[in-house]
Amino acid sequence: MSTDLFWQALANAQPQLQKMEIREVMEAINALLEPHFPKLAAELQGTSGDGVYELIITAHGATEHFQDVMALTQSAPKLAMFSKVIAFRARTEMGEFGINMDNFSLSPSDVLVCHYADAGRVGLQLWFNKPVPQDMVDHARHMSFILLDHSIGEYDFAIKIGPVDFLDEAPEQETVSLAAFPVVLDSFWRDELKHTALFPAGENEWTGFELVSNTDPDDKLLVQRNESAMALVGRADMLWRLQVDVVLDNKDDLEAAREFEDQLETLFVQTQEGITSQITLHGNVRSMNWHVSDVVTAQAKAHKLAQNFAPMEFAISSEFDPQWQNYLRWVS
């Protein structure tokens, strides 16, 4: 595995790294990382002067590489140089933190934030609370994204934030400074969007609707969305979507598919390792979807359960979906 090869290479290089300055150490670690995970990067922080660091693995916000970040950090061995290995850049205590670029400075207090619900995520509108020369507008916007990433952390920026727009005129609605926004984001995510991260208890609540093709009125998609699953959107251990498709040839097949759903749901709920997200029916193909924490275990349970329903054939697949895009696409 690439994870093992990287950690072995880093362990072997440790005696030489301990003789280097922090910048050289970081460059050397990234050189070791590049052959195995070219889309990831390593950063260092928090040395006490004795050559012991916190090692941060980042994907620079690219969600398609988040699973590599997690695999790498979860497989990290104990190494003397590193007090801990951290997945993703964490939030930075902003304080007086600021950025200077081409003789233009921007601090968290210079950026005001309006927020709103956007299909289960958080949309942002940003306004500069200071004059910005016309030739520096693009720079200022780029700097704002850097400040936002530091303010709320790499994971939350990528997973929780939807569209980000810059206002040309002073906002009419209430704003907060970027420094104060993380607390507002957490509250809005939990209280308004209902992403509590708590596994729902009791019976699931469902919403059903029908979508009809604009070109073919007979082409219909029936959707059932589990509203109870909304609580788990964004949770860092529910990043995989498991999909099970089955062709329904008659009423008995439908009853069997429902029984399969119920039994697999029970297996997942018992250990809180997964939850049904949505069920769709397109033609005679029923697609059942779950969000799960351990996709390998979930797939194994689905395959084993499917054997009890022969001769029906279930097509079992999975997708890394940390933003719950397949689920939130049904949210208005």
C-alpha atoms as a PDB file:
ATOM      1  CA  MET A   1       0.000   0.000   0.000  1.00  0.00           C
ATOM      2  CA  SER A   2       1.137   3.547  -0.730  1.00  0.00           C
ATOM      3  CA  THR A   3       0.419   4.557   2.860  1.00  0.00           C
ATOM      4  CA  ASP A   4       2.804   1.916   4.186  1.00  0.00           C
ATOM      5  CA  LEU A   5       5.490   2.839   1.672  1.00  0.00           C
ATOM      6  CA  PHE A   6       5.318   6.505   2.617  1.00  0.00           C
ATOM      7  CA  TRP A   7       5.451   5.926   6.359  1.00  0.00           C
ATOM      8  CA  GLN A   8       8.350   3.499   5.958  1.00  0.00           C
ATOM      9  CA  ALA A   9      10.244   6.044   3.859  1.00  0.00           C
ATOM     10  CA  LEU A  10       9.569   8.734   6.471  1.00  0.00           C
ATOM     11  CA  ALA A  11      10.700   6.445   9.296  1.00  0.00           C
ATOM     12  CA  ASN A  12      13.909   5.671   7.432  1.00  0.00           C
ATOM     13  CA  ALA A  13      14.556   9.376   6.830  1.00  0.00           C
ATOM     14  CA  GLN A  14      13.868  10.394  10.419  1.00  0.00           C
ATOM     15  CA  PRO A  15      17.541  10.414  11.609  1.00  0.00           C
ATOM     16  CA  GLN A  16      18.454  12.864   8.844  1.00  0.00           C
ATOM     17  CA  LEU A  17      15.316  14.965   9.295  1.00  0.00           C
ATOM     18  CA  GLN A  18      16.045  15.478  12.990  1.00  0.00           C
ATOM     19  CA  LYS A  19      19.179  17.408  12.016  1.00  0.00           C
ATOM     20  CA  MET A  20      17.324  19.860   9.755  1.00  0.00           C
ATOM     21  CA  GLU A  21      15.546  23.164  10.288  1.00  0.00           C
ATOM     22  CA  ILE A  22      11.744  23.097  10.142  1.00  0.00           C
ATOM     23  CA  ARG A  23      11.503  24.442   6.586  1.00  0.00           C
ATOM     24  CA  GLU A  24      13.946  21.835   5.300  1.00  0.00           C
ATOM     25  CA  VAL A  25      12.056  19.117   7.184  1.00  0.00           C
ATOM     26  CA  MET A  26       8.785  20.105   5.543  1.00  0.00           C
ATOM     27  CA  GLU A  27      10.347  20.182   2.085  1.00  0.00           C
ATOM     28  CA  ALA A  28      11.902  16.764   2.639  1.00  0.00           C
ATOM     29  CA  ILE A  29       8.636  15.237   3.868  1.00  0.00           C
ATOM     30  CA  ASN A  30       6.782  16.572   0.834  1.00  0.00           C
ATOM     31  CA  ALA A  31       9.461  15.098  -1.432  1.00  0.00           C
ATOM     32  CA  LEU A  32       8.809  11.709   0.195  1.00  0.00           C
ATOM     33  CA  LEU A  33       5.048  12.185  -0.100  1.00  0.00           C
ATOM     34  CA  GLU A  34       4.968  13.205  -3.763  1.00  0.00           C
ATOM     35  CA  PRO A  35       5.629   9.772  -5.393  1.00  0.00           C
ATOM     36  CA  HIS A  36       2.818   8.148  -3.406  1.00  0.00           C
ATOM     37  CA  PHE A  37       0.260  10.947  -2.963  1.00  0.00           C
ATOM     38  CA  PRO A  38       1.056  13.729  -5.453  1.00  0.00           C
ATOM     39  CA  LYS A  39      -2.178  15.607  -4.670  1.00  0.00           C
ATOM     40  CA  LEU A  40      -1.497  15.833  -0.937  1.00  0.00           C
ATOM     41  CA  ALA A  41       0.900  18.005   1.028  1.00  0.00           C
ATOM     42  CA  ALA A  42       2.486  17.952   4.459  1.00  0.00           C
ATOM     43  CA  GLU A  43       2.726  20.920   6.808  1.00  0.00           C
ATOM     44  CA  LEU A  44       4.383  21.246  10.200  1.00  0.00           C
ATOM     45  CA  GLN A  45       3.453  23.232  13.268  1.00  0.00           C
ATOM     46  CA  GLY A  46       3.856  23.420  17.008  1.00  0.00           C
ATOM     47  CA  THR A  47       7.512  22.652  17.711  1.00  0.00           C
ATOM     48  CA  SER A  48       8.750  23.168  21.233  1.00  0.00           C
ATOM     49  CA  GLY A  49      12.348  23.559  20.085  1.00  0.00           C
ATOM     50  CA  ASP A  50      13.246  19.905  20.540  1.00  0.00           C
ATOM     51  CA  GLY A  51      12.493  18.884  16.967  1.00  0.00           C
ATOM     52  CA  VAL A  52       9.062  17.438  17.707  1.00  0.00           C
ATOM     53  CA  TYR A  53       6.271  18.616  15.408  1.00  0.00           C
ATOM     54  CA  GLU A  54       2.618  18.194  14.646  1.00  0.00           C
ATOM     55  CA  LEU A  55       2.368  16.779  11.123  1.00  0.00           C
ATOM     56  CA  ILE A  56      -0.623  17.988   9.111  1.00  0.00           C
ATOM     57  CA  ILE A  57      -1.733  16.210   5.935  1.00  0.00           C
ATOM     58  CA  THR A  58      -3.768  18.422   3.617  1.00  0.00           C
ATOM     59  CA  ALA A  59      -5.514  18.045   0.267  1.00  0.00           C
ATOM     60  CA  HIS A  60      -5.811  21.832  -0.102  1.00  0.00           C
ATOM     61  CA  GLY A  61      -9.584  21.500   0.122  1.00  0.00           C
ATOM     62  CA  ALA A  62      -9.958  19.076  -2.810  1.00  0.00           C
ATOM     63  CA  THR A  63     -12.669  16.700  -1.558  1.00  0.00           C
ATOM     64  CA  GLU A  64     -11.853  14.050  -4.169  1.00  0.00           C
ATOM     65  CA  HIS A  65      -8.595  13.457  -2.279  1.00  0.00           C
ATOM     66  CA  PHE A  66     -10.004  13.550   1.258  1.00  0.00           C
ATOM     67  CA  GLN A  67     -10.107   9.764   1.455  1.00  0.00           C
ATOM     68  CA  ASP A  68      -6.340   9.681   0.830  1.00  0.00           C
ATOM     69  CA  VAL A  69      -5.818  12.192   3.643  1.00  0.00           C
ATOM     70  CA  MET A  70      -7.837  10.022   6.005  1.00  0.00           C
ATOM     71  CA  ALA A  71      -6.188   6.782   4.940  1.00  0.00           C
ATOM     72  CA  LEU A  72      -2.756   8.307   5.430  1.00  0.00           C
ATOM     73  CA  THR A  73      -3.419   9.802   8.848  1.00  0.00           C
ATOM     74  CA  GLN A  74      -5.269   6.740  10.134  1.00  0.00           C
ATOM     75  CA  SER A  75      -2.336   4.495   9.200  1.00  0.00           C
ATOM     76  CA  ALA A  76       0.321   6.731  10.779  1.00  0.00           C
ATOM     77  CA  PRO A  77       2.764   4.858  13.023  1.00  0.00           C
ATOM     78  CA  LYS A  78       4.308   6.319  16.170  1.00  0.00           C
ATOM     79  CA  LEU A  79       7.344   8.335  15.137  1.00  0.00           C
ATOM     80  CA  ALA A  80       9.581  10.211  17.576  1.00  0.00           C
ATOM     81  CA  MET A  81       9.544  13.400  15.502  1.00  0.00           C
ATOM     82  CA  PHE A  82       5.775  13.842  15.518  1.00  0.00           C
ATOM     83  CA  SER A  83       3.603  14.351  18.565  1.00  0.00           C
ATOM     84  CA  LYS A  84       0.522  13.774  16.408  1.00  0.00           C
ATOM     85  CA  VAL A  85      -0.552  13.389  12.775  1.00  0.00           C
ATOM     86  CA  ILE A  86      -3.545  15.531  11.873  1.00  0.00           C
ATOM     87  CA  ALA A  87      -5.967  15.199   8.960  1.00  0.00           C
ATOM     88  CA  PHE A  88      -6.613  18.571   7.278  1.00  0.00           C
ATOM     89  CA  ARG A  89      -5.627  22.075   8.282  1.00  0.00           C
ATOM     90  CA  ALA A  90      -7.470  22.973  11.456  1.00  0.00           C
ATOM     91  CA  ARG A  91      -9.032  26.295  12.343  1.00  0.00           C
ATOM     92  CA  THR A  92      -6.645  29.085  13.199  1.00  0.00           C
ATOM     93  CA  GLU A  93      -7.286  31.453  16.067  1.00  0.00           C
ATOM     94  CA  MET A  94      -7.513  34.544  13.926  1.00  0.00           C
ATOM     95  CA  GLY A  95      -6.697  37.349  16.348  1.00  0.00           C
ATOM     96  CA  GLU A  96      -4.581  39.837  14.435  1.00  0.00           C
ATOM     97  CA  PHE A  97      -3.748  37.290  11.745  1.00  0.00           C
ATOM     98  CA  GLY A  98      -3.611  38.916   8.333  1.00  0.00           C
ATOM     99  CA  ILE A  99      -2.157  38.629   4.862  1.00  0.00           C
ATOM    100  CA  ASN A 100       0.040  41.003   2.904  1.00  0.00           C
ATOM    101  CA  MET A 101       0.246  40.742  -0.874  1.00  0.00           C
ATOM    102  CA  ASP A 102       1.767  43.291  -3.251  1.00  0.00           C
ATOM    103  CA  ASN A 103       1.687  46.019  -0.569  1.00  0.00           C
ATOM    104  CA  PHE A 104      -1.968  45.325   0.219  1.00  0.00           C
ATOM    105  CA  SER A 105      -2.977  43.901   3.598  1.00  0.00           C
ATOM    106  CA  LEU A 106      -6.165  42.152   4.630  1.00  0.00           C
ATOM    107  CA  SER A 107      -7.157  40.998   8.107  1.00  0.00           C
ATOM    108  CA  PRO A 108     -10.218  39.084   9.356  1.00  0.00           C
ATOM    109  CA  SER A 109     -11.817  42.306  10.556  1.00  0.00           C
ATOM    110  CA  ASP A 110     -11.604  43.662   6.998  1.00  0.00           C
ATOM    111  CA  VAL A 111     -13.950  40.951   5.681  1.00  0.00           C
ATOM    112  CA  LEU A 112     -17.644  40.933   6.595  1.00  0.00           C
ATOM    113  CA  VAL A 113     -19.749  37.801   6.111  1.00  0.00           C
ATOM    114  CA  CYS A 114     -23.452  37.255   5.372  1.00  0.00           C
ATOM    115  CA  HIS A 115     -24.643  33.645   5.404  1.00  0.00           C
ATOM    116  CA  TYR A 116     -27.735  31.789   4.222  1.00  0.00           C
ATOM    117  CA  ALA A 117     -29.020  28.252   3.695  1.00  0.00           C
ATOM    118  CA  ASP A 118     -28.231  26.790   0.277  1.00  0.00           C
ATOM    119  CA  ALA A 119     -29.584  23.277  -0.343  1.00  0.00           C
ATOM    120  CA  GLY A 120     -28.379  21.931   2.977  1.00  0.00           C
ATOM    121  CA  ARG A 121     -25.104  23.800   2.957  1.00  0.00           C
ATOM    122  CA  VAL A 122     -24.096  27.371   3.824  1.00  0.00           C
ATOM    123  CA  GLY A 123     -23.872  30.049   1.166  1.00  0.00           C
ATOM    124  CA  LEU A 124     -21.738  33.114   1.842  1.00  0.00           C
ATOM    125  CA  GLN A 125     -21.655  36.711   0.714  1.00  0.00           C
ATOM    126  CA  LEU A 126     -18.473  38.632   1.488  1.00  0.00           C
ATOM    127  CA  TRP A 127     -17.982  42.381   1.718  1.00  0.00           C
ATOM    128  CA  PHE A 128     -14.712  44.275   2.204  1.00  0.00           C
ATOM    129  CA  ASN A 129     -14.876  46.530   5.216  1.00  0.00           C
ATOM    130  CA  LYS A 130     -12.101  48.731   3.846  1.00  0.00           C
ATOM    131  CA  PRO A 131     -11.343  50.441   0.532  1.00  0.00           C
ATOM    132  CA  VAL A 132      -9.840  48.092  -2.053  1.00  0.00           C
ATOM    133  CA  PRO A 133      -8.044  49.611  -5.055  1.00  0.00           C
ATOM    134  CA  GLN A 134      -9.567  48.461  -8.312  1.00  0.00           C
ATOM    135  CA  ASP A 135      -6.356  46.775  -9.420  1.00  0.00           C
ATOM    136  CA  MET A 136      -6.270  44.795  -6.157  1.00  0.00           C
ATOM    137  CA  VAL A 137      -9.822  43.421  -6.193  1.00  0.00           C
ATOM    138  CA  ASP A 138      -8.854  40.006  -7.547  1.00  0.00           C
ATOM    139  CA  HIS A 139      -5.963  39.804  -5.081  1.00  0.00           C
ATOM    140  CA  ALA A 140      -8.257  40.797  -2.216  1.00  0.00           C
ATOM    141  CA  ARG A 141     -10.768  38.104  -3.135  1.00  0.00           C
ATOM    142  CA  HIS A 142      -8.042  35.472  -3.304  1.00  0.00           C
ATOM    143  CA  MET A 143      -6.754  36.622   0.079  1.00  0.00           C
ATOM    144  CA  SER A 144     -10.299  36.357   1.471  1.00  0.00           C
ATOM    145  CA  PHE A 145     -10.455  32.700   0.498  1.00  0.00           C
ATOM    146  CA  ILE A 146      -7.153  32.085   2.286  1.00  0.00           C
ATOM    147  CA  LEU A 147      -8.442  33.835   5.403  1.00  0.00           C
ATOM    148  CA  LEU A 148     -11.714  31.890   5.211  1.00  0.00           C
ATOM    149  CA  ASP A 149      -9.829  28.598   4.940  1.00  0.00           C
ATOM    150  CA  HIS A 150      -7.763  29.494   8.018  1.00  0.00           C
ATOM    151  CA  SER A 151     -10.806  30.748   9.898  1.00  0.00           C
ATOM    152  CA  ILE A 152     -13.108  27.724   9.597  1.00  0.00           C
ATOM    153  CA  GLY A 153     -10.614  25.005   8.703  1.00  0.00           C
ATOM    154  CA  GLU A 154     -10.025  22.997   5.547  1.00  0.00           C
ATOM    155  CA  TYR A 155     -12.645  20.313   6.209  1.00  0.00           C
ATOM    156  CA  ASP A 156     -15.503  22.657   7.095  1.00  0.00           C
ATOM    157  CA  PHE A 157     -14.734  24.972   4.188  1.00  0.00           C
ATOM    158  CA  ALA A 158     -14.875  22.109   1.701  1.00  0.00           C
ATOM    159  CA  ILE A 159     -17.814  20.211   3.197  1.00  0.00           C
ATOM    160  CA  LYS A 160     -20.111  22.827   4.700  1.00  0.00           C
ATOM    161  CA  ILE A 161     -19.700  25.902   2.511  1.00  0.00           C
ATOM    162  CA  GLY A 162     -21.610  26.222  -0.759  1.00  0.00           C
ATOM    163  CA  PRO A 163     -21.425  29.244  -3.077  1.00  0.00           C
ATOM    164  CA  VAL A 164     -19.270  32.201  -2.076  1.00  0.00           C
ATOM    165  CA  ASP A 165     -20.034  35.555  -3.686  1.00  0.00           C
ATOM    166  CA  PHE A 166     -18.536  39.002  -3.255  1.00  0.00           C
ATOM    167  CA  LEU A 167     -20.883  41.956  -2.868  1.00  0.00           C
ATOM    168  CA  ASP A 168     -20.308  45.130  -4.847  1.00  0.00           C
ATOM    169  CA  GLU A 169     -22.520  47.186  -2.547  1.00  0.00           C
ATOM    170  CA  ALA A 170     -22.793  47.293   1.216  1.00  0.00           C
ATOM    171  CA  PRO A 171     -24.940  44.410   2.479  1.00  0.00           C
ATOM    172  CA  GLU A 172     -28.406  45.150   3.781  1.00  0.00           C
ATOM    173  CA  GLN A 173     -28.594  42.087   5.992  1.00  0.00           C
ATOM    174  CA  GLU A 174     -26.708  41.487   9.221  1.00  0.00           C
ATOM    175  CA  THR A 175     -23.009  40.694   8.906  1.00  0.00           C
ATOM    176  CA  VAL A 176     -20.228  39.447  11.163  1.00  0.00           C
ATOM    177  CA  SER A 177     -16.500  39.795  10.756  1.00  0.00           C
ATOM    178  CA  LEU A 178     -14.603  36.800   9.472  1.00  0.00           C
ATOM    179  CA  ALA A 179     -12.967  36.457  12.874  1.00  0.00           C
ATOM    180  CA  ALA A 180     -16.374  35.965  14.520  1.00  0.00           C
ATOM    181  CA  PHE A 181     -17.847  33.787  11.775  1.00  0.00           C
ATOM    182  CA  PRO A 182     -16.745  30.280  12.935  1.00  0.00           C
ATOM    183  CA  VAL A 183     -19.060  30.414  15.971  1.00  0.00           C
ATOM    184  CA  VAL A 184     -21.915  31.649  13.773  1.00  0.00           C
ATOM    185  CA  LEU A 185     -21.270  28.866  11.258  1.00  0.00           C
ATOM    186  CA  ASP A 186     -21.344  26.162  13.934  1.00  0.00           C
ATOM    187  CA  SER A 187     -24.608  27.443  15.359  1.00  0.00           C
ATOM    188  CA  PHE A 188     -26.270  27.823  11.943  1.00  0.00           C
ATOM    189  CA  TRP A 189     -25.109  24.374  10.825  1.00  0.00           C
ATOM    190  CA  ARG A 190     -26.497  22.734  13.955  1.00  0.00           C
ATOM    191  CA  ASP A 191     -29.605  24.754  14.807  1.00  0.00           C
ATOM    192  CA  GLU A 192     -30.899  26.015  11.468  1.00  0.00           C
ATOM    193  CA  LEU A 193     -29.797  23.308   9.040  1.00  0.00           C
ATOM    194  CA  LYS A 194     -30.354  20.540  11.628  1.00  0.00           C
ATOM    195  CA  HIS A 195     -26.983  18.885  11.018  1.00  0.00           C
ATOM    196  CA  THR A 196     -26.606  17.949  14.676  1.00  0.00           C
ATOM    197  CA  ALA A 197     -24.180  15.028  14.108  1.00  0.00           C
ATOM    198  CA  LEU A 198     -26.353  12.991  16.506  1.00  0.00           C
ATOM    199  CA  PHE A 199     -27.526   9.628  15.245  1.00  0.00           C
ATOM    200  CA  PRO A 200     -31.341   9.860  15.037  1.00  0.00           C
ATOM    201  CA  ALA A 201     -33.410   7.762  17.411  1.00  0.00           C
ATOM    202  CA  GLY A 202     -36.808   6.247  16.705  1.00  0.00           C
ATOM    203  CA  GLU A 203     -38.562   5.940  13.371  1.00  0.00           C
ATOM    204  CA  ASN A 204     -37.121   7.734  10.345  1.00  0.00           C
ATOM    205  CA  GLU A 205     -39.093  10.626   8.841  1.00  0.00           C
ATOM    206  CA  TRP A 206     -39.547  10.508   5.077  1.00  0.00           C
ATOM    207  CA  THR A 207     -40.392  12.948   2.287  1.00  0.00           C
ATOM    208  CA  GLY A 208     -41.608  11.656  -1.083  1.00  0.00           C
ATOM    209  CA  PHE A 209     -41.979  13.361  -4.442  1.00  0.00           C
ATOM    210  CA  GLU A 210     -42.076  12.637  -8.163  1.00  0.00           C
ATOM    211  CA  LEU A 211     -39.981  14.161 -10.948  1.00  0.00           C
ATOM    212  CA  VAL A 212     -41.206  14.048 -14.540  1.00  0.00           C
ATOM    213  CA  SER A 213     -39.016  14.498 -17.618  1.00  0.00           C
ATOM    214  CA  ASN A 214     -39.612  17.672 -19.625  1.00  0.00           C
ATOM    215  CA  THR A 215     -39.347  15.719 -22.873  1.00  0.00           C
ATOM    216  CA  ASP A 216     -41.121  12.497 -21.941  1.00  0.00           C
ATOM    217  CA  PRO A 217     -44.072  12.622 -19.517  1.00  0.00           C
ATOM    218  CA  ASP A 218     -43.855   8.860 -19.078  1.00  0.00           C
ATOM    219  CA  ASP A 219     -40.271   9.125 -17.816  1.00  0.00           C
ATOM    220  CA  LYS A 220     -40.774   9.518 -14.070  1.00  0.00           C
ATOM    221  CA  LEU A 221     -38.449   9.349 -11.102  1.00  0.00           C
ATOM    222  CA  LEU A 222     -39.938   8.640  -7.700  1.00  0.00           C
ATOM    223  CA  VAL A 223     -37.814   9.865  -4.789  1.00  0.00           C
ATOM    224  CA  GLN A 224     -38.080   9.069  -1.088  1.00  0.00           C
ATOM    225  CA  ARG A 225     -35.676  11.106   1.062  1.00  0.00           C
ATOM    226  CA  ASN A 226     -34.956  10.225   4.670  1.00  0.00           C
ATOM    227  CA  GLU A 227     -35.255  13.557   6.504  1.00  0.00           C
ATOM    228  CA  SER A 228     -33.782  11.967   9.637  1.00  0.00           C
ATOM    229  CA  ALA A 229     -30.478  11.478   7.835  1.00  0.00           C
ATOM    230  CA  MET A 230     -30.107  15.277   7.651  1.00  0.00           C
ATOM    231  CA  ALA A 231     -28.662  15.157  11.173  1.00  0.00           C
ATOM    232  CA  LEU A 232     -25.573  13.292   9.969  1.00  0.00           C
ATOM    233  CA  VAL A 233     -24.692  15.441   6.948  1.00  0.00           C
ATOM    234  CA  GLY A 234     -21.109  16.658   7.297  1.00  0.00           C
ATOM    235  CA  ARG A 235     -20.140  14.195  10.013  1.00  0.00           C
ATOM    236  CA  ALA A 236     -16.521  13.218   9.459  1.00  0.00           C
ATOM    237  CA  ASP A 237     -17.191   9.480   9.793  1.00  0.00           C
ATOM    238  CA  MET A 238     -20.115   9.241   7.361  1.00  0.00           C
ATOM    239  CA  LEU A 239     -18.385   9.916   4.061  1.00  0.00           C
ATOM    240  CA  TRP A 240     -19.316   6.972   1.860  1.00  0.00           C
ATOM    241  CA  ARG A 241     -22.516   6.296  -0.053  1.00  0.00           C
ATOM    242  CA  LEU A 242     -23.543   2.681  -0.549  1.00  0.00           C
ATOM    243  CA  GLN A 243     -25.991   2.048  -3.376  1.00  0.00           C
ATOM    244  CA  VAL A 244     -27.939  -1.139  -4.028  1.00  0.00           C
ATOM    245  CA  ASP A 245     -29.925  -1.413  -7.278  1.00  0.00           C
ATOM    246  CA  VAL A 246     -32.456  -4.091  -8.072  1.00  0.00           C
ATOM    247  CA  VAL A 247     -34.803  -4.685 -11.009  1.00  0.00           C
ATOM    248  CA  LEU A 248     -38.421  -5.187  -9.976  1.00  0.00           C
ATOM    249  CA  ASP A 249     -40.357  -7.461 -12.305  1.00  0.00           C
ATOM    250  CA  ASN A 250     -43.462  -7.902 -10.158  1.00  0.00           C
ATOM    251  CA  LYS A 251     -45.102  -7.058  -6.842  1.00  0.00           C
ATOM    252  CA  ASP A 252     -43.307  -9.887  -5.053  1.00  0.00           C
ATOM    253  CA  ASP A 253     -39.968  -8.369  -6.093  1.00  0.00           C
ATOM    254  CA  LEU A 254     -41.007  -5.044  -4.567  1.00  0.00           C
ATOM    255  CA  GLU A 255     -41.900  -6.707  -1.275  1.00  0.00           C
ATOM    256  CA  ALA A 256     -38.584  -8.550  -1.265  1.00  0.00           C
ATOM    257  CA  ALA A 257     -36.658  -5.331  -1.990  1.00  0.00           C
ATOM    258  CA  ARG A 258     -38.375  -3.605   0.912  1.00  0.00           C
ATOM    259  CA  GLU A 259     -37.541  -6.502   3.189  1.00  0.00           C
ATOM    260  CA  PHE A 260     -33.899  -6.301   2.069  1.00  0.00           C
ATOM    261  CA  GLU A 261     -33.911  -2.554   2.853  1.00  0.00           C
ATOM    262  CA  ASP A 262     -35.336  -3.096   6.311  1.00  0.00           C
ATOM    263  CA  GLN A 263     -32.891  -5.840   7.217  1.00  0.00           C
ATOM    264  CA  LEU A 264     -29.815  -3.975   5.981  1.00  0.00           C
ATOM    265  CA  GLU A 265     -30.974  -0.786   7.708  1.00  0.00           C
ATOM    266  CA  THR A 266     -31.335  -2.739  10.945  1.00  0.00           C
ATOM    267  CA  LEU A 267     -27.797  -4.097  10.632  1.00  0.00           C
ATOM    268  CA  PHE A 268     -26.403  -0.581  10.132  1.00  0.00           C
ATOM    269  CA  VAL A 269     -28.476   1.120  12.823  1.00  0.00           C
ATOM    270  CA  GLN A 270     -27.555  -1.451  15.477  1.00  0.00           C
ATOM    271  CA  THR A 271     -23.952  -0.252  15.331  1.00  0.00           C
ATOM    272  CA  GLN A 272     -24.702   3.279  14.108  1.00  0.00           C
ATOM    273  CA  GLU A 273     -22.445   2.662  11.124  1.00  0.00           C
ATOM    274  CA  GLY A 274     -24.933   3.767   8.477  1.00  0.00           C
ATOM    275  CA  ILE A 275     -28.312   5.254   7.692  1.00  0.00           C
ATOM    276  CA  THR A 276     -30.655   5.138   4.718  1.00  0.00           C
ATOM    277  CA  SER A 277     -30.350   8.428   2.842  1.00  0.00           C
ATOM    278  CA  GLN A 278     -32.770   8.032  -0.066  1.00  0.00           C
ATOM    279  CA  ILE A 279     -34.609   5.510  -2.231  1.00  0.00           C
ATOM    280  CA  THR A 280     -35.483   6.116  -5.878  1.00  0.00           C
ATOM    281  CA  LEU A 281     -37.555   4.270  -8.446  1.00  0.00           C
ATOM    282  CA  HIS A 282     -36.833   4.895 -12.129  1.00  0.00           C
ATOM    283  CA  GLY A 283     -38.825   2.620 -14.405  1.00  0.00           C
ATOM    284  CA  ASN A 284     -38.591  -0.736 -12.691  1.00  0.00           C
ATOM    285  CA  VAL A 285     -35.151  -0.117 -11.110  1.00  0.00           C
ATOM    286  CA  ARG A 286     -35.195   0.538  -7.379  1.00  0.00           C
ATOM    287  CA  SER A 287     -32.062   2.253  -6.012  1.00  0.00           C
ATOM    288  CA  MET A 288     -31.489   2.111  -2.279  1.00  0.00           C
ATOM    289  CA  ASN A 289     -28.860   4.382  -0.757  1.00  0.00           C
ATOM    290  CA  TRP A 290     -27.137   4.505   2.604  1.00  0.00           C
ATOM    291  CA  HIS A 291     -24.446   6.762   4.014  1.00  0.00           C
ATOM    292  CA  VAL A 292     -21.943   4.657   5.921  1.00  0.00           C
ATOM    293  CA  SER A 293     -18.771   5.012   7.939  1.00  0.00           C
ATOM    294  CA  ASP A 294     -16.914   1.841   6.886  1.00  0.00           C
ATOM    295  CA  VAL A 295     -17.668   1.140   3.241  1.00  0.00           C
ATOM    296  CA  VAL A 296     -15.807  -2.187   3.136  1.00  0.00           C
ATOM    297  CA  THR A 297     -17.790  -3.585   6.067  1.00  0.00           C
ATOM    298  CA  ALA A 298     -21.042  -2.137   4.709  1.00  0.00           C
ATOM    299  CA  GLN A 299     -20.525  -3.712   1.299  1.00  0.00           C
ATOM    300  CA  ALA A 300     -19.709  -7.055   2.881  1.00  0.00           C
ATOM    301  CA  LYS A 301     -22.941  -6.969   4.896  1.00  0.00           C
ATOM    302  CA  ALA A 302     -24.956  -6.032   1.818  1.00  0.00           C
ATOM    303  CA  HIS A 303     -23.469  -8.859  -0.248  1.00  0.00           C
ATOM    304  CA  LYS A 304     -24.023 -11.399   2.520  1.00  0.00           C
ATOM    305  CA  LEU A 305     -27.628 -10.297   3.025  1.00  0.00           C
ATOM    306  CA  ALA A 306     -28.301 -10.365  -0.721  1.00  0.00           C
ATOM    307  CA  GLN A 307     -27.576 -14.110  -0.740  1.00  0.00           C
ATOM    308  CA  ASN A 308     -30.741 -14.627   1.324  1.00  0.00           C
ATOM    309  CA  PHE A 309     -32.849 -13.092  -1.439  1.00  0.00           C
ATOM    310  CA  ALA A 310     -31.781 -15.265  -4.378  1.00  0.00           C
ATOM    311  CA  PRO A 311     -32.639 -15.485  -7.208  1.00  0.00           C
ATOM    312  CA  MET A 312     -33.053 -11.681  -7.096  1.00  0.00           C
ATOM    313  CA  GLU A 313     -29.866  -9.940  -8.201  1.00  0.00           C
ATOM    314  CA  PHE A 314     -28.667  -6.840  -6.380  1.00  0.00           C
ATOM    315  CA  ALA A 315     -26.069  -4.533  -7.949  1.00  0.00           C
ATOM    316  CA  ILE A 316     -23.992  -3.181  -5.064  1.00  0.00           C
ATOM    317  CA  SER A 317     -21.719  -0.180  -5.545  1.00  0.00           C
ATOM    318  CA  SER A 318     -20.223   2.674  -3.533  1.00  0.00           C
ATOM    319  CA  GLU A 319     -19.013   6.231  -3.937  1.00  0.00           C
ATOM    320  CA  PHE A 320     -16.919   8.533  -1.789  1.00  0.00           C
ATOM    321  CA  ASP A 321     -19.372  11.370  -1.142  1.00  0.00           C
ATOM    322  CA  PRO A 322     -18.160  13.485   1.804  1.00  0.00           C
ATOM    323  CA  GLN A 323     -20.411  16.414   0.843  1.00  0.00           C
ATOM    324  CA  TRP A 324     -23.508  14.180   0.674  1.00  0.00           C
ATOM    325  CA  GLN A 325     -24.113  15.569  -2.793  1.00  0.00           C
ATOM    326  CA  ASN A 326     -26.273  12.661  -3.869  1.00  0.00           C
ATOM    327  CA  TYR A 327     -28.551  13.292  -0.883  1.00  0.00           C
ATOM    328  CA  LEU A 328     -28.561  17.102  -0.832  1.00  0.00           C
ATOM    329  CA  ARG A 329     -29.389  17.366  -4.527  1.00  0.00           C
ATOM    330  CA  TRP A 330     -33.000  16.734  -3.499  1.00  0.00           C
ATOM    331  CA  VAL A 331     -32.996  19.577  -0.949  1.00  0.00           C
ATOM    332  CA  SER A 332     -34.528  22.835  -2.154  1.00  0.00           C
END
